Amino acid sequence: MQKTIGIAAVAAVALVAGYIWWGSAEEEAAAPAAEGAAMVAVTLPETLSEPAQLGQRAFEAKCSACHGDNAAGREGNGPPLIHKIYEPSHHGDGAFMVAASNGVRQHHWSFGNMPPVEGITPAEVKAIVTYVREVQRANGIN
């Protein structure tokens, strides 16, 4: 009888400890990232092609306010483009042109609709896509 009570007491302590541990782990995981924080870690290629360097400058001027530095996303503002969702087989280069020129409805993320990018040229979008694709490849997104 005492052995059964001892086993039950140990089990109860283990359950309570597990509940406390699990609850604290959930709270840590659920803690929201700071507004504007990068959403993904991005590794830049050692070198960028000349067109990608032009695209990087255009991206910084026209896109990074929402899509973050190095296209890592910006918490609360816009999604990361260095993400499997934007791999070429899912979002082709033309999708970037349409999104920049016409805007796009929210469909993968909960940031709301993307408005058209004011004053962006097709040449800038092409260079930006070159930049994004080179950075994607450096991060294993082909």
Protein backbone atom coordinates (compact mmCIF):
# COMPACT_ATOMS: atom_id res chain seq x y z
CA MET A 1 0.00 0.00 0.00
CA GLN A 2 2.74 2.48 0.96
CA LYS A 3 4.62 1.53 -2.22
CA THR A 4 1.53 2.45 -4.29
CA ILE A 5 1.17 5.78 -2.47
CA GLY A 6 4.89 6.48 -3.05
CA ILE A 7 4.60 5.73 -6.78
CA ALA A 8 1.49 7.90 -7.02
CA ALA A 9 3.27 10.76 -5.22
CA VAL A 10 6.28 10.54 -7.53
CA ALA A 11 3.97 10.45 -10.56
CA ALA A 12 2.05 13.49 -9.27
CA VAL A 13 5.26 15.45 -8.71
CA ALA A 14 6.46 14.49 -12.20
CA LEU A 15 3.15 15.59 -13.72
CA VAL A 16 3.22 18.94 -11.91
CA ALA A 17 6.85 19.52 -12.89
CA GLY A 18 6.08 18.58 -16.49
CA TYR A 19 3.08 20.90 -16.56
CA ILE A 20 5.13 23.81 -15.20
CA TRP A 21 7.99 23.12 -17.63
CA TRP A 22 5.67 22.70 -20.63
CA GLY A 23 3.75 25.89 -19.77
CA SER A 24 6.91 27.97 -19.49
CA ALA A 25 8.20 26.57 -22.80
CA GLU A 26 4.92 27.52 -24.49
CA GLU A 27 5.09 31.04 -23.06
CA GLU A 28 8.63 31.48 -24.41
CA ALA A 29 7.65 30.13 -27.83
CA ALA A 30 4.53 32.28 -27.95
CA ALA A 31 6.32 35.50 -27.04
CA PRO A 32 5.91 37.81 -30.03
CA ALA A 33 9.00 39.06 -31.82
CA ALA A 34 9.71 42.75 -31.61
CA GLU A 35 7.96 44.89 -34.19
CA GLY A 36 10.25 45.30 -37.19
CA ALA A 37 12.57 42.42 -36.20
CA ALA A 38 13.94 40.15 -38.94
CA MET A 39 11.78 37.08 -39.40
CA VAL A 40 14.45 34.71 -40.75
CA ALA A 41 18.21 34.47 -40.58
CA VAL A 42 19.76 35.24 -43.96
CA THR A 43 23.20 34.26 -45.18
CA LEU A 44 24.46 36.57 -47.91
CA PRO A 45 26.49 35.13 -50.78
CA GLU A 46 30.21 35.89 -50.68
CA THR A 47 29.81 37.91 -53.86
CA LEU A 48 26.85 39.21 -55.79
CA SER A 49 26.79 39.56 -59.55
CA GLU A 50 26.76 43.11 -60.88
CA PRO A 51 23.02 42.96 -61.72
CA ALA A 52 22.33 41.61 -58.22
CA GLN A 53 24.33 44.48 -56.69
CA LEU A 54 22.09 46.91 -58.58
CA GLY A 55 19.10 44.92 -57.34
CA GLN A 56 20.34 45.06 -53.78
CA ARG A 57 20.50 48.86 -53.92
CA ALA A 58 17.03 49.04 -55.47
CA PHE A 59 15.70 46.57 -52.88
CA GLU A 60 17.13 48.66 -50.05
CA ALA A 61 15.51 51.79 -51.50
CA LYS A 62 12.11 50.38 -52.48
CA CYS A 63 11.46 47.11 -50.60
CA SER A 64 13.38 46.79 -47.34
CA ALA A 65 11.03 49.00 -45.32
CA CYS A 66 8.51 46.14 -45.48
CA HIS A 67 10.51 43.07 -46.51
CA GLY A 68 13.44 43.78 -44.18
CA ASP A 69 17.18 44.01 -44.59
CA ASN A 70 18.47 41.32 -46.96
CA ALA A 71 14.83 40.28 -47.61
CA ALA A 72 14.65 38.66 -44.15
CA GLY A 73 11.13 40.00 -43.55
CA ARG A 74 10.14 42.56 -40.98
CA GLU A 75 7.93 41.40 -38.10
CA GLY A 76 4.61 43.23 -38.29
CA ASN A 77 5.41 44.78 -41.70
CA GLY A 78 6.12 42.27 -44.46
CA PRO A 79 7.19 38.69 -45.14
CA PRO A 80 10.67 37.37 -45.82
CA LEU A 81 11.44 36.77 -49.49
CA ILE A 82 14.26 34.46 -48.42
CA HIS A 83 11.76 31.73 -47.70
CA LYS A 84 10.70 28.51 -49.41
CA ILE A 85 7.33 30.07 -50.27
CA TYR A 86 9.12 32.38 -52.72
CA GLU A 87 11.23 29.72 -54.43
CA PRO A 88 11.17 30.06 -58.23
CA SER A 89 8.89 27.04 -58.74
CA HIS A 90 6.19 28.58 -56.53
CA HIS A 91 6.58 32.32 -57.14
CA GLY A 92 8.23 32.80 -60.50
CA ASP A 93 10.05 35.98 -61.46
CA GLY A 94 6.89 37.32 -63.11
CA ALA A 95 5.06 37.17 -59.76
CA PHE A 96 7.52 39.74 -58.38
CA MET A 97 6.89 41.99 -61.39
CA VAL A 98 3.12 41.78 -60.93
CA ALA A 99 3.34 42.34 -57.17
CA ALA A 100 5.62 45.37 -57.49
CA SER A 101 3.64 46.90 -60.36
CA ASN A 102 0.07 46.12 -59.36
CA GLY A 103 0.23 45.08 -55.74
CA VAL A 104 -0.99 41.68 -54.57
CA ARG A 105 -3.69 40.34 -52.29
CA GLN A 106 -2.65 38.73 -49.02
CA HIS A 107 -2.39 34.99 -49.56
CA HIS A 108 0.45 33.35 -47.59
CA TRP A 109 0.99 35.71 -44.68
CA SER A 110 -1.18 37.88 -42.47
CA PHE A 111 0.35 41.26 -43.27
CA GLY A 112 -2.54 42.42 -45.43
CA ASN A 113 -2.47 43.27 -49.10
CA MET A 114 0.74 44.55 -50.65
CA PRO A 115 0.24 47.87 -52.42
CA PRO A 116 1.99 48.63 -55.72
CA VAL A 117 5.48 50.03 -55.27
CA GLU A 118 5.37 53.68 -56.26
CA GLY A 119 7.79 54.72 -58.98
CA ILE A 120 9.43 51.31 -59.49
CA THR A 121 10.55 50.47 -63.02
CA PRO A 122 10.55 47.06 -64.72
CA ALA A 123 14.37 47.25 -64.87
CA GLU A 124 14.53 47.79 -61.10
CA VAL A 125 12.20 44.85 -60.46
CA LYS A 126 14.31 42.64 -62.73
CA ALA A 127 17.46 43.62 -60.82
CA ILE A 128 15.69 43.09 -57.48
CA VAL A 129 14.60 39.61 -58.57
CA THR A 130 18.20 38.83 -59.56
CA TYR A 131 19.34 39.93 -56.10
CA VAL A 132 16.62 37.97 -54.28
CA ARG A 133 17.32 34.81 -56.32
CA GLU A 134 21.07 34.96 -55.60
CA VAL A 135 20.42 35.40 -51.88
CA GLN A 136 17.84 32.60 -51.97
CA ARG A 137 20.40 30.24 -53.54
CA ALA A 138 22.92 31.15 -50.83
CA ASN A 139 20.27 30.02 -48.34
CA GLY A 140 19.43 26.73 -50.05
CA ILE A 141 16.31 27.94 -51.83
CA ASN A 142 16.45 26.94 -55.47
